[in-house]
C-alpha atoms as a PDB file:
ATOM      1  CA  MET A   1       3.400  52.673  -6.315  1.00  0.00           C
ATOM      2  CA  THR A   2       3.125  48.888  -6.432  1.00  0.00           C
ATOM      3  CA  SER A   3       6.062  48.518  -3.917  1.00  0.00           C
ATOM      4  CA  SER A   4       3.641  49.875  -1.122  1.00  0.00           C
ATOM      5  CA  ILE A   5       0.788  47.970  -2.135  1.00  0.00           C
ATOM      6  CA  ARG A   6       2.156  44.407  -1.877  1.00  0.00           C
ATOM      7  CA  PRO A   7       3.394  44.832   1.955  1.00  0.00           C
ATOM      8  CA  THR A   8      -0.075  46.622   2.778  1.00  0.00           C
ATOM      9  CA  THR A   9      -1.913  43.972   1.332  1.00  0.00           C
ATOM     10  CA  LEU A  10       0.168  41.421   2.892  1.00  0.00           C
ATOM     11  CA  ALA A  11      -0.171  42.773   6.326  1.00  0.00           C
ATOM     12  CA  LEU A  12      -3.980  43.369   5.986  1.00  0.00           C
ATOM     13  CA  ALA A  13      -4.378  39.482   5.052  1.00  0.00           C
ATOM     14  CA  THR A  14      -2.150  38.611   8.020  1.00  0.00           C
ATOM     15  CA  GLU A  15      -4.053  40.645  10.102  1.00  0.00           C
ATOM     16  CA  GLU A  16      -7.355  39.167   8.978  1.00  0.00           C
ATOM     17  CA  TRP A  17      -6.150  35.729   9.595  1.00  0.00           C
ATOM     18  CA  ILE A  18      -4.855  36.458  12.968  1.00  0.00           C
ATOM     19  CA  ALA A  19      -8.038  37.946  13.953  1.00  0.00           C
ATOM     20  CA  TYR A  20     -10.197  34.973  12.711  1.00  0.00           C
ATOM     21  CA  ALA A  21      -7.780  32.624  14.597  1.00  0.00           C
ATOM     22  CA  VAL A  22      -8.303  34.751  17.848  1.00  0.00           C
ATOM     23  CA  TYR A  23     -12.174  34.477  17.040  1.00  0.00           C
ATOM     24  CA  PHE A  24     -12.066  30.944  16.394  1.00  0.00           C
ATOM     25  CA  ASP A  25     -10.091  30.170  19.666  1.00  0.00           C
ATOM     26  CA  HIS A  26     -12.544  32.359  21.786  1.00  0.00           C
ATOM     27  CA  LYS A  27     -15.548  30.646  20.079  1.00  0.00           C
ATOM     28  CA  ARG A  28     -14.140  27.280  20.957  1.00  0.00           C
ATOM     29  CA  ARG A  29     -13.291  27.949  24.593  1.00  0.00           C
ATOM     30  CA  THR A  30     -16.678  29.728  25.356  1.00  0.00           C
ATOM     31  CA  ASP A  31     -19.170  27.946  23.200  1.00  0.00           C
ATOM     32  CA  PRO A  32     -20.291  24.535  24.066  1.00  0.00           C
ATOM     33  CA  GLU A  33     -22.521  24.023  21.068  1.00  0.00           C
ATOM     34  CA  PHE A  34     -19.542  25.181  18.883  1.00  0.00           C
ATOM     35  CA  ARG A  35     -17.256  22.475  20.723  1.00  0.00           C
ATOM     36  CA  LYS A  36     -19.988  19.921  20.130  1.00  0.00           C
ATOM     37  CA  ALA A  37     -20.252  20.675  16.673  1.00  0.00           C
ATOM     38  CA  LEU A  38     -16.384  20.572  15.989  1.00  0.00           C
ATOM     39  CA  LYS A  39     -16.214  17.189  17.734  1.00  0.00           C
ATOM     40  CA  ARG A  40     -19.165  15.674  15.592  1.00  0.00           C
ATOM     41  CA  GLU A  41     -17.276  17.077  12.664  1.00  0.00           C
ATOM     42  CA  SER A  42     -13.965  15.497  13.778  1.00  0.00           C
ATOM     43  CA  ARG A  43     -15.749  12.049  14.510  1.00  0.00           C
ATOM     44  CA  ARG A  44     -17.568  12.191  11.135  1.00  0.00           C
ATOM     45  CA  ILE A  45     -14.276  12.700   9.360  1.00  0.00           C
ATOM     46  CA  ALA A  46     -12.654  10.005  11.278  1.00  0.00           C
ATOM     47  CA  LYS A  47     -15.703   7.653  10.451  1.00  0.00           C
ATOM     48  CA  ALA A  48     -15.216   8.482   6.641  1.00  0.00           C
ATOM     49  CA  GLU A  49     -11.598   7.761   6.642  1.00  0.00           C
ATOM     50  CA  ARG A  50     -11.773   4.542   8.503  1.00  0.00           C
ATOM     51  CA  GLU A  51     -14.688   3.396   6.065  1.00  0.00           C
ATOM     52  CA  GLU A  52     -12.532   4.577   3.084  1.00  0.00           C
ATOM     53  CA  ALA A  53      -9.505   2.392   4.268  1.00  0.00           C
ATOM     54  CA  GLU A  54     -11.892  -0.620   4.864  1.00  0.00           C
ATOM     55  CA  GLU A  55     -13.387  -0.068   1.490  1.00  0.00           C
ATOM     56  CA  HIS A  56      -9.738   0.041  -0.179  1.00  0.00           C
ATOM     57  CA  ALA A  57      -8.508  -2.857   1.667  1.00  0.00           C
ATOM     58  CA  GLY A  58     -11.609  -5.004   0.476  1.00  0.00           C
ATOM     59  CA  ARG A  59     -10.672  -3.806  -3.097  1.00  0.00           C
ATOM     60  CA  GLN A  60      -7.462  -4.414  -2.807  1.00  0.00           C
ATOM     61  CA  LYS A  61      -8.188  -8.152  -1.565  1.00  0.00           C
ATOM     62  CA  GLN A  62     -10.564  -8.539  -4.629  1.00  0.00           C
ATOM     63  CA  THR A  63      -7.694  -7.619  -6.755  1.00  0.00           C
ATOM     64  CA  ILE A  64      -5.199  -9.772  -5.232  1.00  0.00           C
ATOM     65  CA  ARG A  65      -7.761 -12.720  -5.513  1.00  0.00           C
ATOM     66  CA  SER A  66      -8.323 -12.024  -9.284  1.00  0.00           C
ATOM     67  CA  LEU A  67      -4.452 -11.855 -10.108  1.00  0.00           C
ATOM     68  CA  VAL A  68      -3.606 -15.240  -8.162  1.00  0.00           C
ATOM     69  CA  SER A  69      -6.474 -16.616 -10.010  1.00  0.00           C
ATOM     70  CA  SER A  70      -5.388 -15.216 -13.464  1.00  0.00           C
ATOM     71  CA  ALA A  71      -1.671 -16.479 -12.831  1.00  0.00           C
ATOM     72  CA  GLN A  72      -2.977 -19.819 -11.998  1.00  0.00           C
ATOM     73  CA  GLU A  73      -5.003 -20.238 -15.083  1.00  0.00           C
ATOM     74  CA  GLU A  74      -2.144 -18.567 -17.184  1.00  0.00           C
ATOM     75  CA  GLY A  75       0.205 -21.206 -15.953  1.00  0.00           C
ATOM     76  CA  PHE A  76       4.104 -21.302 -15.309  1.00  0.00           C
ATOM     77  CA  PRO A  77       6.867 -22.598 -17.465  1.00  0.00           C
ATOM     78  CA  SER A  78       8.196 -26.177 -16.763  1.00  0.00           C
ATOM     79  CA  SER A  79      11.634 -26.096 -18.631  1.00  0.00           C
ATOM     80  CA  VAL A  80      14.700 -25.082 -16.325  1.00  0.00           C
ATOM     81  CA  GLU A  81      15.797 -22.531 -18.884  1.00  0.00           C
ATOM     82  CA  ASP A  82      12.164 -20.979 -19.129  1.00  0.00           C
ATOM     83  CA  LYS A  83      11.813 -20.822 -15.401  1.00  0.00           C
ATOM     84  CA  GLU A  84      15.317 -19.222 -14.835  1.00  0.00           C
ATOM     85  CA  THR A  85      14.117 -16.388 -17.528  1.00  0.00           C
ATOM     86  CA  TYR A  86      10.819 -16.117 -16.122  1.00  0.00           C
ATOM     87  CA  PHE A  87      12.273 -15.713 -12.498  1.00  0.00           C
ATOM     88  CA  MET A  88      14.684 -13.213 -13.551  1.00  0.00           C
ATOM     89  CA  THR A  89      12.293 -11.251 -15.549  1.00  0.00           C
ATOM     90  CA  ALA A  90       9.506 -11.412 -12.631  1.00  0.00           C
ATOM     91  CA  VAL A  91      12.035 -10.382  -9.952  1.00  0.00           C
ATOM     92  CA  GLY A  92      13.720  -7.654 -12.135  1.00  0.00           C
ATOM     93  CA  ARG A  93      10.135  -6.220 -12.811  1.00  0.00           C
ATOM     94  CA  GLY A  94       9.200  -6.363  -9.223  1.00  0.00           C
ATOM     95  CA  GLU A  95      12.269  -4.676  -7.825  1.00  0.00           C
ATOM     96  CA  SER A  96      11.435  -1.741 -10.410  1.00  0.00           C
ATOM     97  CA  LEU A  97       7.716  -1.742  -9.306  1.00  0.00           C
ATOM     98  CA  CYS A  98       8.651  -1.342  -5.532  1.00  0.00           C
ATOM     99  CA  GLN A  99      10.056   2.169  -5.840  1.00  0.00           C
ATOM    100  CA  ASN A 100       6.608   3.337  -6.355  1.00  0.00           C
ATOM    101  CA  GLU A 101       3.944   3.236  -3.920  1.00  0.00           C
ATOM    102  CA  SER A 102       0.872   2.981  -6.343  1.00  0.00           C
ATOM    103  CA  THR A 103       2.433  -0.068  -8.037  1.00  0.00           C
ATOM    104  CA  HIS A 104       2.948  -2.133  -4.618  1.00  0.00           C
ATOM    105  CA  VAL A 105       0.229  -4.826  -5.970  1.00  0.00           C
ATOM    106  CA  GLU A 106       1.760  -5.207  -9.308  1.00  0.00           C
ATOM    107  CA  ALA A 107       5.362  -5.416  -7.745  1.00  0.00           C
ATOM    108  CA  ALA A 108       4.042  -8.302  -5.100  1.00  0.00           C
ATOM    109  CA  PHE A 109       2.568  -9.790  -8.085  1.00  0.00           C
ATOM    110  CA  SER A 110       5.673 -10.230  -9.844  1.00  0.00           C
ATOM    111  CA  PHE A 111       7.387 -11.398  -6.855  1.00  0.00           C
ATOM    112  CA  TYR A 112       4.524 -13.897  -6.339  1.00  0.00           C
ATOM    113  CA  LYS A 113       5.299 -15.167  -9.931  1.00  0.00           C
ATOM    114  CA  ALA A 114       8.865 -15.575  -9.148  1.00  0.00           C
ATOM    115  CA  LEU A 115       8.138 -17.249  -6.255  1.00  0.00           C
ATOM    116  CA  LYS A 116       6.208 -19.944  -7.888  1.00  0.00           C
ATOM    117  CA  VAL A 117       8.900 -20.960 -10.342  1.00  0.00           C
ATOM    118  CA  TYR A 118      11.626 -20.981  -7.603  1.00  0.00           C
ATOM    119  CA  PRO A 119      12.550 -24.427  -6.568  1.00  0.00           C
ATOM    120  CA  GLN A 120      12.887 -23.572  -2.983  1.00  0.00           C
ATOM    121  CA  PRO A 121      10.174 -20.890  -1.967  1.00  0.00           C
ATOM    122  CA  GLY A 122      11.131 -20.967   1.661  1.00  0.00           C
ATOM    123  CA  ASP A 123      14.706 -19.876   0.897  1.00  0.00           C
ATOM    124  CA  LEU A 124      13.105 -17.072  -1.400  1.00  0.00           C
ATOM    125  CA  ILE A 125      10.791 -15.859   1.169  1.00  0.00           C
ATOM    126  CA  THR A 126      13.907 -15.313   3.523  1.00  0.00           C
ATOM    127  CA  ILE A 127      15.356 -13.225   0.778  1.00  0.00           C
ATOM    128  CA  TYR A 128      12.421 -11.449   0.318  1.00  0.00           C
ATOM    129  CA  ASP A 129      12.206 -10.444   4.036  1.00  0.00           C
ATOM    130  CA  LYS A 130      15.454  -8.669   3.769  1.00  0.00           C
ATOM    131  CA  THR A 131      15.172  -7.009   0.586  1.00  0.00           C
ATOM    132  CA  VAL A 132      11.541  -6.232  -0.275  1.00  0.00           C
ATOM    133  CA  PRO A 133       9.418  -3.295   1.537  1.00  0.00           C
ATOM    134  CA  LYS A 134       7.146  -4.295   4.175  1.00  0.00           C
ATOM    135  CA  PRO A 135       3.817  -3.067   2.311  1.00  0.00           C
ATOM    136  CA  VAL A 136       4.874  -5.208  -0.813  1.00  0.00           C
ATOM    137  CA  LEU A 137       5.793  -8.203   1.480  1.00  0.00           C
ATOM    138  CA  ASP A 138       2.153  -7.961   3.224  1.00  0.00           C
ATOM    139  CA  ILE A 139       0.611  -8.139  -0.168  1.00  0.00           C
ATOM    140  CA  LEU A 140       2.987 -10.965  -1.148  1.00  0.00           C
ATOM    141  CA  ALA A 141       1.910 -12.849   2.026  1.00  0.00           C
ATOM    142  CA  ASP A 142      -1.927 -12.336   1.127  1.00  0.00           C
ATOM    143  CA  MET A 143      -1.176 -13.678  -2.362  1.00  0.00           C
ATOM    144  CA  VAL A 144       0.613 -17.032  -0.852  1.00  0.00           C
ATOM    145  CA  ALA A 145      -2.162 -17.458   1.671  1.00  0.00           C
ATOM    146  CA  ILE A 146      -4.767 -17.422  -1.305  1.00  0.00           C
ATOM    147  CA  ASP A 147      -2.721 -19.747  -3.325  1.00  0.00           C
ATOM    148  CA  GLY A 148      -3.173 -23.222  -1.606  1.00  0.00           C
ATOM    149  CA  SER A 149      -0.859 -24.890  -4.130  1.00  0.00           C
ATOM    150  CA  LEU A 150       2.241 -22.909  -2.784  1.00  0.00           C
ATOM    151  CA  THR A 151       3.893 -24.762  -0.058  1.00  0.00           C
ATOM    152  CA  ILE A 152       6.587 -22.978   1.985  1.00  0.00           C
ATOM    153  CA  GLY A 153       8.311 -24.379   5.043  1.00  0.00           C
ATOM    154  CA  SER A 154      11.535 -25.958   6.121  1.00  0.00           C
ATOM    155  CA  ASP A 155      10.760 -29.088   3.681  1.00  0.00           C
ATOM    156  CA  ALA A 156       9.024 -27.210   0.836  1.00  0.00           C
ATOM    157  CA  GLY A 157      11.734 -28.299  -1.664  1.00  0.00           C
ATOM    158  CA  THR A 158      12.416 -31.898  -0.488  1.00  0.00           C
ATOM    159  CA  VAL A 159      10.821 -35.234  -1.782  1.00  0.00           C
ATOM    160  CA  ASP A 160       9.762 -37.697   0.831  1.00  0.00           C
ATOM    161  CA  GLU A 161      11.079 -41.354  -0.009  1.00  0.00           C
END
């Protein structure tokens, strides 16, 4: 008994879905008000998505600013051994956080911390360009732009005499 009910139910559901698709297509092709309503709905959804993306970008910028300022307040190690340990820890944490898309900001922050203690930041940026995913690299670039004390360039590690 149940063996004939399932195929019948499935056939009826499929038939109803096809009938609705045909009705929708006919309505879309022949009713100008329906087409206008569909366009309005499409524009409304696109606008909402655009606003959501802008809002997310604003929140992310604020998070980046607060992370950079908290790192500057916290300070960085000064001895060579401490800097090396700090660097290795930060890079390791950043690499592990890069794997998950939801932790890209934290990964970029870890790479930023490593960049702050590295003796030649320009060289490290070159390495990051080759190994770090682009979204994380973009966030890291925002962090570097916010931090005015970090000098990255061809003469960043040299001292003028």
